[in-house]
Structure formats: C-alpha cells, structure tokens
Amino acid sequence: MASQQSTIDYLLEQLASAGPVSAHKMFGEYGVYCDGKIVALVCDDQFFLKPTPEGRAFLADAVDEQPAYSGAKPSFRIAGERWDDAEWMAELVRVTTAALPVPKPKGKKKG
C-alpha cells in the first residue's frame, strides 16, 4: 500500500520548523529530506527516521526499530500519535539531520 499524499503534506507541515524540508517520491513511497540530507522514509503511511546515536538519545526509552520495507535496515519508526507534536517532531529531525554526514556531490553524467 503506497503512502497517501495527505500524509506527506501533513508531515512536511509538522516538520517545517526543522529547516528546509521536502519529500520526493521514491519507488512508490517517499524520502524525506532536511538540509539536503535524506533523514526519513515514509512507507505505507508510516514515518521511519534514519537511526543515529543522537536520535536514539532524544527518543530515550521510546525507541521502536523496524525496517521501512522488506530487506531494509532497521529505522526508528515514529508512531502516528507523535506526529501531532510539531515541536517534538521538528526537534527530532533537527537532531538527526545534524548527526548525518553531508551528502557526497553527484558526479556529472557522461553523455
């Protein structure tokens, strides 16, 4: 089951204060980006955050690790009832974004 556009729109609204956030369709689901870094996946209308030690510390005892899709590495699954707390969600994404490395520049395509 693919994620609904309304789910993505709501999450982006909730994460707006985290910094420049966007979502891009990937294989029928979505990747969520902050400051140009992919920080999460939205699969089957569920939010899966990239795991980092800083994110784990922020989540404390509320860590729920599951793969976003079959064959994926475990991610932090953030329950839907937490999404309504925009300040908490934005801080979690800020903490995670800061902990992730800057993406490598893409090379030019040979043509």
PDB file of N, CA and C in Angstrom:
ATOM      1  N   MET A   1       0.841  -1.182   0.000  1.00  0.00           N
ATOM      2  CA  MET A   1       0.000   0.000   0.000  1.00  0.00           C
ATOM      3  C   MET A   1       0.883   1.240   0.000  1.00  0.00           C
ATOM      4  N   ALA A   2       0.738   2.088  -0.953  1.00  0.00           N
ATOM      5  CA  ALA A   2       1.534   3.305  -1.059  1.00  0.00           C
ATOM      6  C   ALA A   2       1.033   4.360  -0.079  1.00  0.00           C
ATOM      7  N   SER A   3       1.932   5.240   0.310  1.00  0.00           N
ATOM      8  CA  SER A   3       1.578   6.332   1.219  1.00  0.00           C
ATOM      9  C   SER A   3       0.710   7.346   0.490  1.00  0.00           C
ATOM     10  N   GLN A   4      -0.167   7.980   1.243  1.00  0.00           N
ATOM     11  CA  GLN A   4      -1.065   8.978   0.687  1.00  0.00           C
ATOM     12  C   GLN A   4      -0.376  10.347   0.659  1.00  0.00           C
ATOM     13  N   GLN A   5      -0.680  11.132  -0.342  1.00  0.00           N
ATOM     14  CA  GLN A   5      -0.127  12.485  -0.436  1.00  0.00           C
ATOM     15  C   GLN A   5      -0.506  13.311   0.792  1.00  0.00           C
ATOM     16  N   SER A   6      -1.696  13.089   1.333  1.00  0.00           N
ATOM     17  CA  SER A   6      -2.128  13.849   2.516  1.00  0.00           C
ATOM     18  C   SER A   6      -1.220  13.565   3.717  1.00  0.00           C
ATOM     19  N   THR A   7      -0.701  12.351   3.825  1.00  0.00           N
ATOM     20  CA  THR A   7       0.234  12.008   4.905  1.00  0.00           C
ATOM     21  C   THR A   7       1.519  12.804   4.748  1.00  0.00           C
ATOM     22  N   ILE A   8       2.041  12.859   3.534  1.00  0.00           N
ATOM     23  CA  ILE A   8       3.275  13.597   3.255  1.00  0.00           C
ATOM     24  C   ILE A   8       3.067  15.078   3.523  1.00  0.00           C
ATOM     25  N   ASP A   9       1.957  15.628   3.059  1.00  0.00           N
ATOM     26  CA  ASP A   9       1.666  17.047   3.269  1.00  0.00           C
ATOM     27  C   ASP A   9       1.617  17.370   4.762  1.00  0.00           C
ATOM     28  N   TYR A  10       0.972  16.525   5.548  1.00  0.00           N
ATOM     29  CA  TYR A  10       0.860  16.747   6.988  1.00  0.00           C
ATOM     30  C   TYR A  10       2.232  16.683   7.652  1.00  0.00           C
ATOM     31  N   LEU A  11       3.029  15.660   7.313  1.00  0.00           N
ATOM     32  CA  LEU A  11       4.357  15.533   7.908  1.00  0.00           C
ATOM     33  C   LEU A  11       5.238  16.738   7.562  1.00  0.00           C
ATOM     34  N   LEU A  12       5.213  17.179   6.325  1.00  0.00           N
ATOM     35  CA  LEU A  12       6.020  18.337   5.936  1.00  0.00           C
ATOM     36  C   LEU A  12       5.587  19.590   6.689  1.00  0.00           C
ATOM     37  N   GLU A  13       4.298  19.731   6.908  1.00  0.00           N
ATOM     38  CA  GLU A  13       3.781  20.863   7.684  1.00  0.00           C
ATOM     39  C   GLU A  13       4.294  20.788   9.127  1.00  0.00           C
ATOM     40  N   GLN A  14       4.256  19.595   9.701  1.00  0.00           N
ATOM     41  CA  GLN A  14       4.699  19.408  11.086  1.00  0.00           C
ATOM     42  C   GLN A  14       6.203  19.628  11.236  1.00  0.00           C
ATOM     43  N   LEU A  15       6.971  19.333  10.195  1.00  0.00           N
ATOM     44  CA  LEU A  15       8.428  19.419  10.250  1.00  0.00           C
ATOM     45  C   LEU A  15       8.972  20.762   9.760  1.00  0.00           C
ATOM     46  N   ALA A  16       8.109  21.678   9.399  1.00  0.00           N
ATOM     47  CA  ALA A  16       8.531  22.930   8.760  1.00  0.00           C
ATOM     48  C   ALA A  16       9.570  23.698   9.571  1.00  0.00           C
ATOM     49  N   SER A  17       9.494  23.679  10.889  1.00  0.00           N
ATOM     50  CA  SER A  17      10.446  24.454  11.688  1.00  0.00           C
ATOM     51  C   SER A  17      11.783  23.735  11.876  1.00  0.00           C
ATOM     52  N   ALA A  18      11.934  22.530  11.320  1.00  0.00           N
ATOM     53  CA  ALA A  18      13.199  21.790  11.412  1.00  0.00           C
ATOM     54  C   ALA A  18      14.253  22.362  10.469  1.00  0.00           C
ATOM     55  N   GLY A  19      13.829  23.100   9.468  1.00  0.00           N
ATOM     56  CA  GLY A  19      14.720  23.620   8.447  1.00  0.00           C
ATOM     57  C   GLY A  19      14.083  23.386   7.099  1.00  0.00           C
ATOM     58  N   PRO A  20      14.861  23.516   6.025  1.00  0.00           N
ATOM     59  CA  PRO A  20      14.281  23.273   4.701  1.00  0.00           C
ATOM     60  C   PRO A  20      13.965  21.777   4.534  1.00  0.00           C
ATOM     61  N   VAL A  21      12.684  21.436   4.565  1.00  0.00           N
ATOM     62  CA  VAL A  21      12.260  20.041   4.424  1.00  0.00           C
ATOM     63  C   VAL A  21      11.505  19.853   3.119  1.00  0.00           C
ATOM     64  N   SER A  22      11.650  18.664   2.565  1.00  0.00           N
ATOM     65  CA  SER A  22      10.937  18.320   1.337  1.00  0.00           C
ATOM     66  C   SER A  22      10.770  16.815   1.296  1.00  0.00           C
ATOM     67  N   ALA A  23       9.922  16.356   0.411  1.00  0.00           N
ATOM     68  CA  ALA A  23       9.712  14.919   0.219  1.00  0.00           C
ATOM     69  C   ALA A  23       9.771  14.632  -1.271  1.00  0.00           C
ATOM     70  N   HIS A  24      10.386  13.514  -1.607  1.00  0.00           N
ATOM     71  CA  HIS A  24      10.498  13.106  -3.007  1.00  0.00           C
ATOM     72  C   HIS A  24      10.014  11.677  -3.134  1.00  0.00           C
ATOM     73  N   LYS A  25       9.207  11.459  -4.166  1.00  0.00           N
ATOM     74  CA  LYS A  25       8.676  10.125  -4.411  1.00  0.00           C
ATOM     75  C   LYS A  25       9.815   9.185  -4.812  1.00  0.00           C
ATOM     76  N   MET A  26       9.830   8.028  -4.159  1.00  0.00           N
ATOM     77  CA  MET A  26      10.862   7.029  -4.436  1.00  0.00           C
ATOM     78  C   MET A  26      10.212   5.652  -4.432  1.00  0.00           C
ATOM     79  N   PHE A  27      10.193   5.012  -5.561  1.00  0.00           N
ATOM     80  CA  PHE A  27       9.679   3.641  -5.653  1.00  0.00           C
ATOM     81  C   PHE A  27       8.259   3.511  -5.092  1.00  0.00           C
ATOM     82  N   GLY A  28       7.420   4.497  -5.321  1.00  0.00           N
ATOM     83  CA  GLY A  28       6.038   4.458  -4.853  1.00  0.00           C
ATOM     84  C   GLY A  28       5.862   4.955  -3.441  1.00  0.00           C
ATOM     85  N   GLU A  29       6.925   5.208  -2.729  1.00  0.00           N
ATOM     86  CA  GLU A  29       6.880   5.751  -1.378  1.00  0.00           C
ATOM     87  C   GLU A  29       7.625   7.083  -1.387  1.00  0.00           C
ATOM     88  N   TYR A  30       8.053   7.584  -0.220  1.00  0.00           N
ATOM     89  CA  TYR A  30       8.670   8.906  -0.166  1.00  0.00           C
ATOM     90  C   TYR A  30       9.933   8.925   0.675  1.00  0.00           C
ATOM     91  N   GLY A  31      10.886   9.722   0.252  1.00  0.00           N
ATOM     92  CA  GLY A  31      12.050  10.057   1.050  1.00  0.00           C
ATOM     93  C   GLY A  31      11.840  11.462   1.580  1.00  0.00           C
ATOM     94  N   VAL A  32      12.166  11.679   2.854  1.00  0.00           N
ATOM     95  CA  VAL A  32      12.028  12.999   3.473  1.00  0.00           C
ATOM     96  C   VAL A  32      13.428  13.569   3.658  1.00  0.00           C
ATOM     97  N   TYR A  33      13.621  14.796   3.189  1.00  0.00           N
ATOM     98  CA  TYR A  33      14.913  15.460   3.222  1.00  0.00           C
ATOM     99  C   TYR A  33      14.854  16.693   4.115  1.00  0.00           C
ATOM    100  N   CYS A  34      15.968  16.951   4.805  1.00  0.00           N
ATOM    101  CA  CYS A  34      16.131  18.182   5.569  1.00  0.00           C
ATOM    102  C   CYS A  34      17.547  18.671   5.311  1.00  0.00           C
ATOM    103  N   ASP A  35      17.692  19.923   4.950  1.00  0.00           N
ATOM    104  CA  ASP A  35      19.003  20.498   4.609  1.00  0.00           C
ATOM    105  C   ASP A  35      19.726  19.665   3.553  1.00  0.00           C
ATOM    106  N   GLY A  36      18.994  19.102   2.614  1.00  0.00           N
ATOM    107  CA  GLY A  36      19.588  18.324   1.534  1.00  0.00           C
ATOM    108  C   GLY A  36      19.994  16.908   1.908  1.00  0.00           C
ATOM    109  N   LYS A  37      19.720  16.509   3.151  1.00  0.00           N
ATOM    110  CA  LYS A  37      20.072  15.163   3.613  1.00  0.00           C
ATOM    111  C   LYS A  37      18.805  14.331   3.735  1.00  0.00           C
ATOM    112  N   ILE A  38      18.847  13.081   3.279  1.00  0.00           N
ATOM    113  CA  ILE A  38      17.695  12.219   3.463  1.00  0.00           C
ATOM    114  C   ILE A  38      17.686  11.773   4.934  1.00  0.00           C
ATOM    115  N   VAL A  39      16.600  12.099   5.638  1.00  0.00           N
ATOM    116  CA  VAL A  39      16.521  11.813   7.074  1.00  0.00           C
ATOM    117  C   VAL A  39      15.490  10.748   7.409  1.00  0.00           C
ATOM    118  N   ALA A  40      14.558  10.513   6.492  1.00  0.00           N
ATOM    119  CA  ALA A  40      13.491   9.575   6.810  1.00  0.00           C
ATOM    120  C   ALA A  40      12.859   9.024   5.539  1.00  0.00           C
ATOM    121  N   LEU A  41      12.132   7.941   5.709  1.00  0.00           N
ATOM    122  CA  LEU A  41      11.296   7.369   4.662  1.00  0.00           C
ATOM    123  C   LEU A  41       9.867   7.329   5.179  1.00  0.00           C
ATOM    124  N   VAL A  42       8.928   7.523   4.283  1.00  0.00           N
ATOM    125  CA  VAL A  42       7.525   7.324   4.609  1.00  0.00           C
ATOM    126  C   VAL A  42       7.053   6.181   3.731  1.00  0.00           C
ATOM    127  N   CYS A  43       6.732   5.071   4.374  1.00  0.00           N
ATOM    128  CA  CYS A  43       6.297   3.862   3.673  1.00  0.00           C
ATOM    129  C   CYS A  43       5.008   3.377   4.309  1.00  0.00           C
ATOM    130  N   ASP A  44       4.018   3.080   3.485  1.00  0.00           N
ATOM    131  CA  ASP A  44       2.715   2.630   3.989  1.00  0.00           C
ATOM    132  C   ASP A  44       2.172   3.574   5.054  1.00  0.00           C
ATOM    133  N   ASP A  45       2.321   4.877   4.826  1.00  0.00           N
ATOM    134  CA  ASP A  45       1.845   5.918   5.744  1.00  0.00           C
ATOM    135  C   ASP A  45       2.458   5.804   7.135  1.00  0.00           C
ATOM    136  N   GLN A  46       3.693   5.318   7.210  1.00  0.00           N
ATOM    137  CA  GLN A  46       4.432   5.259   8.459  1.00  0.00           C
ATOM    138  C   GLN A  46       5.735   6.030   8.285  1.00  0.00           C
ATOM    139  N   PHE A  47       6.207   6.665   9.368  1.00  0.00           N
ATOM    140  CA  PHE A  47       7.394   7.514   9.340  1.00  0.00           C
ATOM    141  C   PHE A  47       8.573   6.759   9.933  1.00  0.00           C
ATOM    142  N   PHE A  48       9.618   6.545   9.129  1.00  0.00           N
ATOM    143  CA  PHE A  48      10.805   5.809   9.537  1.00  0.00           C
ATOM    144  C   PHE A  48      12.017   6.743   9.467  1.00  0.00           C
ATOM    145  N   LEU A  49      12.569   7.083  10.617  1.00  0.00           N
ATOM    146  CA  LEU A  49      13.684   8.010  10.725  1.00  0.00           C
ATOM    147  C   LEU A  49      15.015   7.263  10.701  1.00  0.00           C
ATOM    148  N   LYS A  50      16.004   7.830  10.007  1.00  0.00           N
ATOM    149  CA  LYS A  50      17.339   7.215   9.988  1.00  0.00           C
ATOM    150  C   LYS A  50      17.862   7.125  11.417  1.00  0.00           C
ATOM    151  N   PRO A  51      18.391   5.987  11.798  1.00  0.00           N
ATOM    152  CA  PRO A  51      18.899   5.865  13.163  1.00  0.00           C
ATOM    153  C   PRO A  51      20.257   6.541  13.343  1.00  0.00           C
ATOM    154  N   THR A  52      20.372   7.316  14.402  1.00  0.00           N
ATOM    155  CA  THR A  52      21.638   7.933  14.801  1.00  0.00           C
ATOM    156  C   THR A  52      21.722   7.826  16.319  1.00  0.00           C
ATOM    157  N   PRO A  53      22.920   7.843  16.890  1.00  0.00           N
ATOM    158  CA  PRO A  53      23.036   7.836  18.354  1.00  0.00           C
ATOM    159  C   PRO A  53      22.318   9.037  18.989  1.00  0.00           C
ATOM    160  N   GLU A  54      22.375  10.190  18.313  1.00  0.00           N
ATOM    161  CA  GLU A  54      21.722  11.392  18.831  1.00  0.00           C
ATOM    162  C   GLU A  54      20.195  11.248  18.813  1.00  0.00           C
ATOM    163  N   GLY A  55      19.675  10.647  17.751  1.00  0.00           N
ATOM    164  CA  GLY A  55      18.239  10.395  17.679  1.00  0.00           C
ATOM    165  C   GLY A  55      17.798   9.405  18.742  1.00  0.00           C
ATOM    166  N   ARG A  56      18.614   8.372  18.958  1.00  0.00           N
ATOM    167  CA  ARG A  56      18.310   7.370  19.988  1.00  0.00           C
ATOM    168  C   ARG A  56      18.256   8.032  21.369  1.00  0.00           C
ATOM    169  N   ALA A  57      19.209   8.921  21.651  1.00  0.00           N
ATOM    170  CA  ALA A  57      19.233   9.627  22.938  1.00  0.00           C
ATOM    171  C   ALA A  57      18.002  10.522  23.084  1.00  0.00           C
ATOM    172  N   PHE A  58      17.604  11.193  21.999  1.00  0.00           N
ATOM    173  CA  PHE A  58      16.425  12.060  22.035  1.00  0.00           C
ATOM    174  C   PHE A  58      15.165  11.250  22.304  1.00  0.00           C
ATOM    175  N   LEU A  59      15.064  10.086  21.680  1.00  0.00           N
ATOM    176  CA  LEU A  59      13.886   9.235  21.843  1.00  0.00           C
ATOM    177  C   LEU A  59      13.856   8.543  23.203  1.00  0.00           C
ATOM    178  N   ALA A  60      15.009   8.423  23.845  1.00  0.00           N
ATOM    179  CA  ALA A  60      15.151   7.775  25.165  1.00  0.00           C
ATOM    180  C   ALA A  60      14.578   6.363  25.123  1.00  0.00           C
ATOM    181  N   ASP A  61      13.592   6.083  25.947  1.00  0.00           N
ATOM    182  CA  ASP A  61      13.035   4.733  26.052  1.00  0.00           C
ATOM    183  C   ASP A  61      11.962   4.447  24.998  1.00  0.00           C
ATOM    184  N   ALA A  62      11.647   5.419  24.168  1.00  0.00           N
ATOM    185  CA  ALA A  62      10.556   5.265  23.203  1.00  0.00           C
ATOM    186  C   ALA A  62      11.036   4.772  21.842  1.00  0.00           C
ATOM    187  N   VAL A  63      12.192   4.121  21.788  1.00  0.00           N
ATOM    188  CA  VAL A  63      12.745   3.673  20.506  1.00  0.00           C
ATOM    189  C   VAL A  63      12.005   2.427  20.016  1.00  0.00           C
ATOM    190  N   ASP A  64      11.487   2.504  18.806  1.00  0.00           N
ATOM    191  CA  ASP A  64      10.824   1.379  18.130  1.00  0.00           C
ATOM    192  C   ASP A  64      11.561   1.212  16.806  1.00  0.00           C
ATOM    193  N   GLU A  65      12.367   0.178  16.685  1.00  0.00           N
ATOM    194  CA  GLU A  65      13.149  -0.027  15.464  1.00  0.00           C
ATOM    195  C   GLU A  65      12.515  -1.096  14.596  1.00  0.00           C
ATOM    196  N   GLN A  66      12.267  -0.721  13.338  1.00  0.00           N
ATOM    197  CA  GLN A  66      11.692  -1.630  12.351  1.00  0.00           C
ATOM    198  C   GLN A  66      12.219  -1.246  10.973  1.00  0.00           C
ATOM    199  N   PRO A  67      12.313  -2.205  10.062  1.00  0.00           N
ATOM    200  CA  PRO A  67      12.678  -1.837   8.693  1.00  0.00           C
ATOM    201  C   PRO A  67      11.499  -1.143   8.004  1.00  0.00           C
ATOM    202  N   ALA A  68      11.804  -0.168   7.175  1.00  0.00           N
ATOM    203  CA  ALA A  68      10.757   0.563   6.455  1.00  0.00           C
ATOM    204  C   ALA A  68      10.097  -0.301   5.386  1.00  0.00           C
ATOM    205  N   TYR A  69      10.850  -1.270   4.872  1.00  0.00           N
ATOM    206  CA  TYR A  69      10.348  -2.188   3.853  1.00  0.00           C
ATOM    207  C   TYR A  69      11.156  -3.470   3.947  1.00  0.00           C
ATOM    208  N   SER A  70      10.692  -4.502   3.326  1.00  0.00           N
ATOM    209  CA  SER A  70      11.368  -5.797   3.375  1.00  0.00           C
ATOM    210  C   SER A  70      12.790  -5.681   2.851  1.00  0.00           C
ATOM    211  N   GLY A  71      13.745  -6.133   3.641  1.00  0.00           N
ATOM    212  CA  GLY A  71      15.140  -6.090   3.246  1.00  0.00           C
ATOM    213  C   GLY A  71      15.878  -4.830   3.662  1.00  0.00           C
ATOM    214  N   ALA A  72      15.174  -3.863   4.230  1.00  0.00           N
ATOM    215  CA  ALA A  72      15.806  -2.616   4.660  1.00  0.00           C
ATOM    216  C   ALA A  72      16.428  -2.779   6.046  1.00  0.00           C
ATOM    217  N   LYS A  73      17.407  -1.914   6.334  1.00  0.00           N
ATOM    218  CA  LYS A  73      17.979  -1.876   7.673  1.00  0.00           C
ATOM    219  C   LYS A  73      16.934  -1.279   8.619  1.00  0.00           C
ATOM    220  N   PRO A  74      16.980  -1.640   9.903  1.00  0.00           N
ATOM    221  CA  PRO A  74      16.022  -1.050  10.850  1.00  0.00           C
ATOM    222  C   PRO A  74      16.182   0.470  10.954  1.00  0.00           C
ATOM    223  N   SER A  75      15.057   1.139  11.085  1.00  0.00           N
ATOM    224  CA  SER A  75      14.979   2.583  11.287  1.00  0.00           C
ATOM    225  C   SER A  75      14.139   2.831  12.525  1.00  0.00           C
ATOM    226  N   PHE A  76      14.141   4.073  13.003  1.00  0.00           N
ATOM    227  CA  PHE A  76      13.278   4.438  14.123  1.00  0.00           C
ATOM    228  C   PHE A  76      11.880   4.704  13.560  1.00  0.00           C
ATOM    229  N   ARG A  77      10.913   3.851  13.927  1.00  0.00           N
ATOM    230  CA  ARG A  77       9.526   4.083  13.495  1.00  0.00           C
ATOM    231  C   ARG A  77       8.873   5.007  14.511  1.00  0.00           C
ATOM    232  N   ILE A  78       8.420   6.144  14.017  1.00  0.00           N
ATOM    233  CA  ILE A  78       7.783   7.134  14.880  1.00  0.00           C
ATOM    234  C   ILE A  78       6.277   6.971  14.750  1.00  0.00           C
ATOM    235  N   ALA A  79       5.648   6.599  15.857  1.00  0.00           N
ATOM    236  CA  ALA A  79       4.209   6.318  15.873  1.00  0.00           C
ATOM    237  C   ALA A  79       3.400   7.544  15.458  1.00  0.00           C
ATOM    238  N   GLY A  80       2.311   7.306  14.761  1.00  0.00           N
ATOM    239  CA  GLY A  80       1.450   8.367  14.253  1.00  0.00           C
ATOM    240  C   GLY A  80       0.948   9.330  15.306  1.00  0.00           C
ATOM    241  N   GLU A  81       0.727   8.848  16.528  1.00  0.00           N
ATOM    242  CA  GLU A  81       0.222   9.747  17.575  1.00  0.00           C
ATOM    243  C   GLU A  81       1.266  10.788  17.985  1.00  0.00           C
ATOM    244  N   ARG A  82       2.546  10.563  17.683  1.00  0.00           N
ATOM    245  CA  ARG A  82       3.602  11.542  17.991  1.00  0.00           C
ATOM    246  C   ARG A  82       3.648  12.660  16.948  1.00  0.00           C
ATOM    247  N   TRP A  83       3.098  12.433  15.776  1.00  0.00           N
ATOM    248  CA  TRP A  83       3.179  13.401  14.687  1.00  0.00           C
ATOM    249  C   TRP A  83       2.499  14.714  15.013  1.00  0.00           C
ATOM    250  N   ASP A  84       1.487  14.684  15.881  1.00  0.00           N
ATOM    251  CA  ASP A  84       0.737  15.896  16.195  1.00  0.00           C
ATOM    252  C   ASP A  84       1.558  16.911  16.980  1.00  0.00           C
ATOM    253  N   ASP A  85       2.656  16.484  17.593  1.00  0.00           N
ATOM    254  CA  ASP A  85       3.525  17.378  18.350  1.00  0.00           C
ATOM    255  C   ASP A  85       4.604  17.913  17.399  1.00  0.00           C
ATOM    256  N   ALA A  86       4.264  18.978  16.701  1.00  0.00           N
ATOM    257  CA  ALA A  86       5.149  19.528  15.668  1.00  0.00           C
ATOM    258  C   ALA A  86       6.503  19.938  16.240  1.00  0.00           C
ATOM    259  N   GLU A  87       6.519  20.526  17.414  1.00  0.00           N
ATOM    260  CA  GLU A  87       7.776  20.966  18.022  1.00  0.00           C
ATOM    261  C   GLU A  87       8.691  19.766  18.302  1.00  0.00           C
ATOM    262  N   TRP A  88       8.124  18.703  18.838  1.00  0.00           N
ATOM    263  CA  TRP A  88       8.888  17.490  19.148  1.00  0.00           C
ATOM    264  C   TRP A  88       9.414  16.844  17.862  1.00  0.00           C
ATOM    265  N   MET A  89       8.544  16.723  16.860  1.00  0.00           N
ATOM    266  CA  MET A  89       8.939  16.112  15.582  1.00  0.00           C
ATOM    267  C   MET A  89      10.054  16.924  14.922  1.00  0.00           C
ATOM    268  N   ALA A  90       9.908  18.247  14.900  1.00  0.00           N
ATOM    269  CA  ALA A  90      10.911  19.106  14.262  1.00  0.00           C
ATOM    270  C   ALA A  90      12.250  18.988  14.991  1.00  0.00           C
ATOM    271  N   GLU A  91      12.236  18.941  16.314  1.00  0.00           N
ATOM    272  CA  GLU A  91      13.490  18.813  17.065  1.00  0.00           C
ATOM    273  C   GLU A  91      14.140  17.459  16.797  1.00  0.00           C
ATOM    274  N   LEU A  92      13.353  16.405  16.732  1.00  0.00           N
ATOM    275  CA  LEU A  92      13.889  15.076  16.426  1.00  0.00           C
ATOM    276  C   LEU A  92      14.563  15.075  15.053  1.00  0.00           C
ATOM    277  N   VAL A  93      13.944  15.699  14.074  1.00  0.00           N
ATOM    278  CA  VAL A  93      14.519  15.766  12.728  1.00  0.00           C
ATOM    279  C   VAL A  93      15.759  16.660  12.722  1.00  0.00           C
ATOM    280  N   ARG A  94      15.738  17.771  13.464  1.00  0.00           N
ATOM    281  CA  ARG A  94      16.931  18.641  13.557  1.00  0.00           C
ATOM    282  C   ARG A  94      18.116  17.878  14.148  1.00  0.00           C
ATOM    283  N   VAL A  95      17.873  17.144  15.229  1.00  0.00           N
ATOM    284  CA  VAL A  95      18.930  16.366  15.896  1.00  0.00           C
ATOM    285  C   VAL A  95      19.496  15.322  14.931  1.00  0.00           C
ATOM    286  N   THR A  96      18.608  14.652  14.224  1.00  0.00           N
ATOM    287  CA  THR A  96      19.036  13.616  13.275  1.00  0.00           C
ATOM    288  C   THR A  96      19.800  14.229  12.112  1.00  0.00           C
ATOM    289  N   THR A  97      19.293  15.315  11.560  1.00  0.00           N
ATOM    290  CA  THR A  97      19.951  15.981  10.432  1.00  0.00           C
ATOM    291  C   THR A  97      21.364  16.410  10.803  1.00  0.00           C
ATOM    292  N   ALA A  98      21.522  16.984  11.980  1.00  0.00           N
ATOM    293  CA  ALA A  98      22.837  17.450  12.428  1.00  0.00           C
ATOM    294  C   ALA A  98      23.821  16.290  12.566  1.00  0.00           C
ATOM    295  N   ALA A  99      23.320  15.103  12.888  1.00  0.00           N
ATOM    296  CA  ALA A  99      24.187  13.944  13.101  1.00  0.00           C
ATOM    297  C   ALA A  99      24.582  13.240  11.805  1.00  0.00           C
ATOM    298  N   LEU A 100      23.863  13.500  10.737  1.00  0.00           N
ATOM    299  CA  LEU A 100      24.137  12.815   9.469  1.00  0.00           C
ATOM    300  C   LEU A 100      25.226  13.530   8.681  1.00  0.00           C
ATOM    301  N   PRO A 101      26.043  12.771   7.947  1.00  0.00           N
ATOM    302  CA  PRO A 101      27.088  13.403   7.138  1.00  0.00           C
ATOM    303  C   PRO A 101      26.502  14.171   5.957  1.00  0.00           C
ATOM    304  N   VAL A 102      27.267  15.131   5.485  1.00  0.00           N
ATOM    305  CA  VAL A 102      26.864  15.888   4.295  1.00  0.00           C
ATOM    306  C   VAL A 102      26.911  14.930   3.110  1.00  0.00           C
ATOM    307  N   PRO A 103      25.871  14.924   2.267  1.00  0.00           N
ATOM    308  CA  PRO A 103      25.891  14.013   1.115  1.00  0.00           C
ATOM    309  C   PRO A 103      27.030  14.349   0.159  1.00  0.00           C
ATOM    310  N   LYS A 104      27.578  13.302  -0.451  1.00  0.00           N
ATOM    311  CA  LYS A 104      28.644  13.492  -1.432  1.00  0.00           C
ATOM    312  C   LYS A 104      28.050  14.121  -2.686  1.00  0.00           C
ATOM    313  N   PRO A 105      28.793  15.047  -3.311  1.00  0.00           N
ATOM    314  CA  PRO A 105      28.274  15.642  -4.547  1.00  0.00           C
ATOM    315  C   PRO A 105      28.166  14.587  -5.640  1.00  0.00           C
ATOM    316  N   LYS A 106      27.119  14.718  -6.418  1.00  0.00           N
ATOM    317  CA  LYS A 106      26.919  13.772  -7.515  1.00  0.00           C
ATOM    318  C   LYS A 106      27.829  14.161  -8.668  1.00  0.00           C
ATOM    319  N   GLY A 107      28.388  13.138  -9.313  1.00  0.00           N
ATOM    320  CA  GLY A 107      29.247  13.366 -10.473  1.00  0.00           C
ATOM    321  C   GLY A 107      28.441  13.727 -11.699  1.00  0.00           C
ATOM    322  N   LYS A 108      29.107  14.312 -12.667  1.00  0.00           N
ATOM    323  CA  LYS A 108      28.421  14.650 -13.921  1.00  0.00           C
ATOM    324  C   LYS A 108      28.134  13.379 -14.692  1.00  0.00           C
ATOM    325  N   LYS A 109      26.977  13.367 -15.343  1.00  0.00           N
ATOM    326  CA  LYS A 109      26.612  12.235 -16.189  1.00  0.00           C
ATOM    327  C   LYS A 109      27.416  12.289 -17.471  1.00  0.00           C
ATOM    328  N   LYS A 110      27.885  11.135 -17.888  1.00  0.00           N
ATOM    329  CA  LYS A 110      28.602  11.073 -19.165  1.00  0.00           C
ATOM    330  C   LYS A 110      27.588  10.978 -20.281  1.00  0.00           C
ATOM    331  N   GLY A 111      27.744  11.747 -21.264  1.00  0.00           N
ATOM    332  CA  GLY A 111      26.736  11.780 -22.308  1.00  0.00           C
ATOM    333  C   GLY A 111      27.275  11.667 -23.610  1.00  0.00           C
TER     334      GLY A 111
END
